[in-house]
Amino acid sequence: MENQSFSFPVKMPYEIIKSYNDSHDGIDVTGEGYNTSILASNDGVVVDTSYNVVRGNYVVIKHINNIYTLYSHLSKIDIKLQANVSKGSKIGTMGSTGNATSLKLH
């Protein structure tokens, strides 16, 4: 059975540099630089991983109860499509790909 509590996808130290609001559909987080590991927030299955001009390199994970998490602007993706992931497992590395203007995870 999947754990229903979600964890933060970046280990301390991190800083929330932009919060969710009407004009921003997520939160932006910085870490300790380009080697900052991005971690799965909960158990799930990778349902999308690709690159586009807005999100850059991104990963989407489907969790229990049809909850999805999106991890954008990665410098590197370390997980394959349809892979099962465990909470806290590395899925990529923080970056500034796509329309990111700085190093961050969205």
C-alpha atoms as a PDB file:
ATOM      1  CA  MET A   1       0.000   0.000   0.000  1.00  0.00           C
ATOM      2  CA  GLU A   2       1.265   3.452  -0.879  1.00  0.00           C
ATOM      3  CA  ASN A   3       2.115   5.977   1.798  1.00  0.00           C
ATOM      4  CA  GLN A   4      -0.407   8.830   1.619  1.00  0.00           C
ATOM      5  CA  SER A   5       1.850  11.481   3.181  1.00  0.00           C
ATOM      6  CA  PHE A   6       3.994  13.495   0.794  1.00  0.00           C
ATOM      7  CA  SER A   7       7.500  14.744   1.492  1.00  0.00           C
ATOM      8  CA  PHE A   8       9.326  17.763   0.124  1.00  0.00           C
ATOM      9  CA  PRO A   9      11.268  16.928  -3.082  1.00  0.00           C
ATOM     10  CA  VAL A  10      14.461  18.763  -2.015  1.00  0.00           C
ATOM     11  CA  LYS A  11      16.502  18.105   1.131  1.00  0.00           C
ATOM     12  CA  MET A  12      17.551  20.959   3.408  1.00  0.00           C
ATOM     13  CA  PRO A  13      18.943  23.480   2.910  1.00  0.00           C
ATOM     14  CA  TYR A  14      16.490  24.847   0.358  1.00  0.00           C
ATOM     15  CA  GLU A  15      14.627  28.093  -0.126  1.00  0.00           C
ATOM     16  CA  ILE A  16      11.154  28.675  -1.522  1.00  0.00           C
ATOM     17  CA  ILE A  17      11.715  31.523  -3.967  1.00  0.00           C
ATOM     18  CA  LYS A  18       8.181  31.798  -5.374  1.00  0.00           C
ATOM     19  CA  SER A  19       4.908  30.577  -3.884  1.00  0.00           C
ATOM     20  CA  TYR A  20       1.700  29.361  -5.477  1.00  0.00           C
ATOM     21  CA  ASN A  21      -0.772  32.117  -6.387  1.00  0.00           C
ATOM     22  CA  ASP A  22      -3.313  33.028  -9.082  1.00  0.00           C
ATOM     23  CA  SER A  23      -0.573  33.723 -11.625  1.00  0.00           C
ATOM     24  CA  HIS A  24       1.869  30.967 -10.613  1.00  0.00           C
ATOM     25  CA  ASP A  25       0.698  27.344 -10.673  1.00  0.00           C
ATOM     26  CA  GLY A  26       3.271  25.858  -8.298  1.00  0.00           C
ATOM     27  CA  ILE A  27       6.170  26.695  -6.038  1.00  0.00           C
ATOM     28  CA  ASP A  28       9.758  27.374  -7.052  1.00  0.00           C
ATOM     29  CA  VAL A  29      12.534  26.045  -4.835  1.00  0.00           C
ATOM     30  CA  THR A  30      16.314  26.460  -4.896  1.00  0.00           C
ATOM     31  CA  GLY A  31      18.814  24.095  -3.348  1.00  0.00           C
ATOM     32  CA  GLU A  32      22.570  23.775  -3.047  1.00  0.00           C
ATOM     33  CA  GLY A  33      23.346  24.183  -6.735  1.00  0.00           C
ATOM     34  CA  TYR A  34      23.315  22.051  -9.857  1.00  0.00           C
ATOM     35  CA  ASN A  35      24.041  18.837  -7.919  1.00  0.00           C
ATOM     36  CA  THR A  36      20.859  19.187  -5.833  1.00  0.00           C
ATOM     37  CA  SER A  37      18.956  15.896  -6.038  1.00  0.00           C
ATOM     38  CA  ILE A  38      15.250  16.015  -6.803  1.00  0.00           C
ATOM     39  CA  LEU A  39      13.382  13.305  -4.908  1.00  0.00           C
ATOM     40  CA  ALA A  40      10.011  11.663  -5.476  1.00  0.00           C
ATOM     41  CA  SER A  41       7.535  13.157  -2.995  1.00  0.00           C
ATOM     42  CA  ASN A  42       5.747   9.832  -2.635  1.00  0.00           C
ATOM     43  CA  ASP A  43       5.501   6.328  -4.108  1.00  0.00           C
ATOM     44  CA  GLY A  44       4.149   6.253  -7.640  1.00  0.00           C
ATOM     45  CA  VAL A  45       4.644   5.580 -11.337  1.00  0.00           C
ATOM     46  CA  VAL A  46       6.386   7.883 -13.825  1.00  0.00           C
ATOM     47  CA  VAL A  47       3.695   8.744 -16.384  1.00  0.00           C
ATOM     48  CA  ASP A  48       5.516  11.441 -18.353  1.00  0.00           C
ATOM     49  CA  THR A  49       9.093  12.565 -18.792  1.00  0.00           C
ATOM     50  CA  SER A  50      10.261  14.817 -21.563  1.00  0.00           C
ATOM     51  CA  TYR A  51      11.445  18.306 -22.507  1.00  0.00           C
ATOM     52  CA  ASN A  52       9.431  21.317 -23.604  1.00  0.00           C
ATOM     53  CA  VAL A  53      10.245  25.001 -23.961  1.00  0.00           C
ATOM     54  CA  VAL A  54       8.275  26.028 -20.855  1.00  0.00           C
ATOM     55  CA  ARG A  55       8.990  23.228 -18.359  1.00  0.00           C
ATOM     56  CA  GLY A  56      12.403  22.253 -19.689  1.00  0.00           C
ATOM     57  CA  ASN A  57      13.294  18.713 -18.626  1.00  0.00           C
ATOM     58  CA  TYR A  58      10.390  17.471 -16.534  1.00  0.00           C
ATOM     59  CA  VAL A  59       8.966  14.394 -14.798  1.00  0.00           C
ATOM     60  CA  VAL A  60       5.342  13.645 -13.868  1.00  0.00           C
ATOM     61  CA  ILE A  61       4.571  10.986 -11.251  1.00  0.00           C
ATOM     62  CA  LYS A  62       1.114   9.517 -10.627  1.00  0.00           C
ATOM     63  CA  HIS A  63       0.442   8.696  -6.978  1.00  0.00           C
ATOM     64  CA  ILE A  64      -2.389   7.100  -5.038  1.00  0.00           C
ATOM     65  CA  ASN A  65      -5.892   8.569  -5.509  1.00  0.00           C
ATOM     66  CA  ASN A  66      -4.939  10.032  -8.919  1.00  0.00           C
ATOM     67  CA  ILE A  67      -2.700  12.701  -7.399  1.00  0.00           C
ATOM     68  CA  TYR A  68       0.085  13.855  -9.740  1.00  0.00           C
ATOM     69  CA  THR A  69       3.335  15.675  -9.008  1.00  0.00           C
ATOM     70  CA  LEU A  70       5.260  17.615 -11.650  1.00  0.00           C
ATOM     71  CA  TYR A  71       8.975  18.369 -11.352  1.00  0.00           C
ATOM     72  CA  SER A  72      10.181  20.973 -13.900  1.00  0.00           C
ATOM     73  CA  HIS A  73      13.429  22.623 -15.080  1.00  0.00           C
ATOM     74  CA  LEU A  74      15.638  19.618 -14.243  1.00  0.00           C
ATOM     75  CA  SER A  75      19.205  19.633 -15.569  1.00  0.00           C
ATOM     76  CA  LYS A  76      19.118  15.827 -15.707  1.00  0.00           C
ATOM     77  CA  ILE A  77      16.373  13.200 -15.558  1.00  0.00           C
ATOM     78  CA  ASP A  78      17.425  10.009 -13.759  1.00  0.00           C
ATOM     79  CA  ILE A  79      14.227   7.985 -14.166  1.00  0.00           C
ATOM     80  CA  LYS A  80      12.514   6.270 -17.097  1.00  0.00           C
ATOM     81  CA  LEU A  81       8.910   6.417 -18.255  1.00  0.00           C
ATOM     82  CA  GLN A  82       6.673   3.831 -16.505  1.00  0.00           C
ATOM     83  CA  ALA A  83       9.223   3.273 -13.723  1.00  0.00           C
ATOM     84  CA  ASN A  84       7.901   2.621 -10.227  1.00  0.00           C
ATOM     85  CA  VAL A  85       9.399   5.097  -7.768  1.00  0.00           C
ATOM     86  CA  SER A  86       9.578   5.076  -3.996  1.00  0.00           C
ATOM     87  CA  LYS A  87       9.142   8.102  -1.786  1.00  0.00           C
ATOM     88  CA  GLY A  88      12.529   9.810  -1.435  1.00  0.00           C
ATOM     89  CA  SER A  89      14.168   8.146  -4.454  1.00  0.00           C
ATOM     90  CA  LYS A  90      16.187  10.373  -6.778  1.00  0.00           C
ATOM     91  CA  ILE A  91      14.374  11.225 -10.013  1.00  0.00           C
ATOM     92  CA  GLY A  92      16.641  13.970 -11.337  1.00  0.00           C
ATOM     93  CA  THR A  93      18.894  16.943 -10.652  1.00  0.00           C
ATOM     94  CA  MET A  94      17.925  20.593 -10.225  1.00  0.00           C
ATOM     95  CA  GLY A  95      18.523  22.819 -13.222  1.00  0.00           C
ATOM     96  CA  SER A  96      17.437  25.838 -15.222  1.00  0.00           C
ATOM     97  CA  THR A  97      16.061  24.320 -18.432  1.00  0.00           C
ATOM     98  CA  GLY A  98      13.040  25.599 -20.351  1.00  0.00           C
ATOM     99  CA  ASN A  99      11.848  29.107 -19.520  1.00  0.00           C
ATOM    100  CA  ALA A 100      13.566  29.129 -16.099  1.00  0.00           C
ATOM    101  CA  THR A 101      15.485  32.310 -15.424  1.00  0.00           C
ATOM    102  CA  SER A 102      17.481  30.807 -12.566  1.00  0.00           C
ATOM    103  CA  LEU A 103      18.419  27.499 -10.969  1.00  0.00           C
ATOM    104  CA  LYS A 104      15.237  26.033  -9.460  1.00  0.00           C
ATOM    105  CA  LEU A 105      12.699  23.272  -9.199  1.00  0.00           C
ATOM    106  CA  HIS A 106       9.115  24.148 -10.071  1.00  0.00           C
END
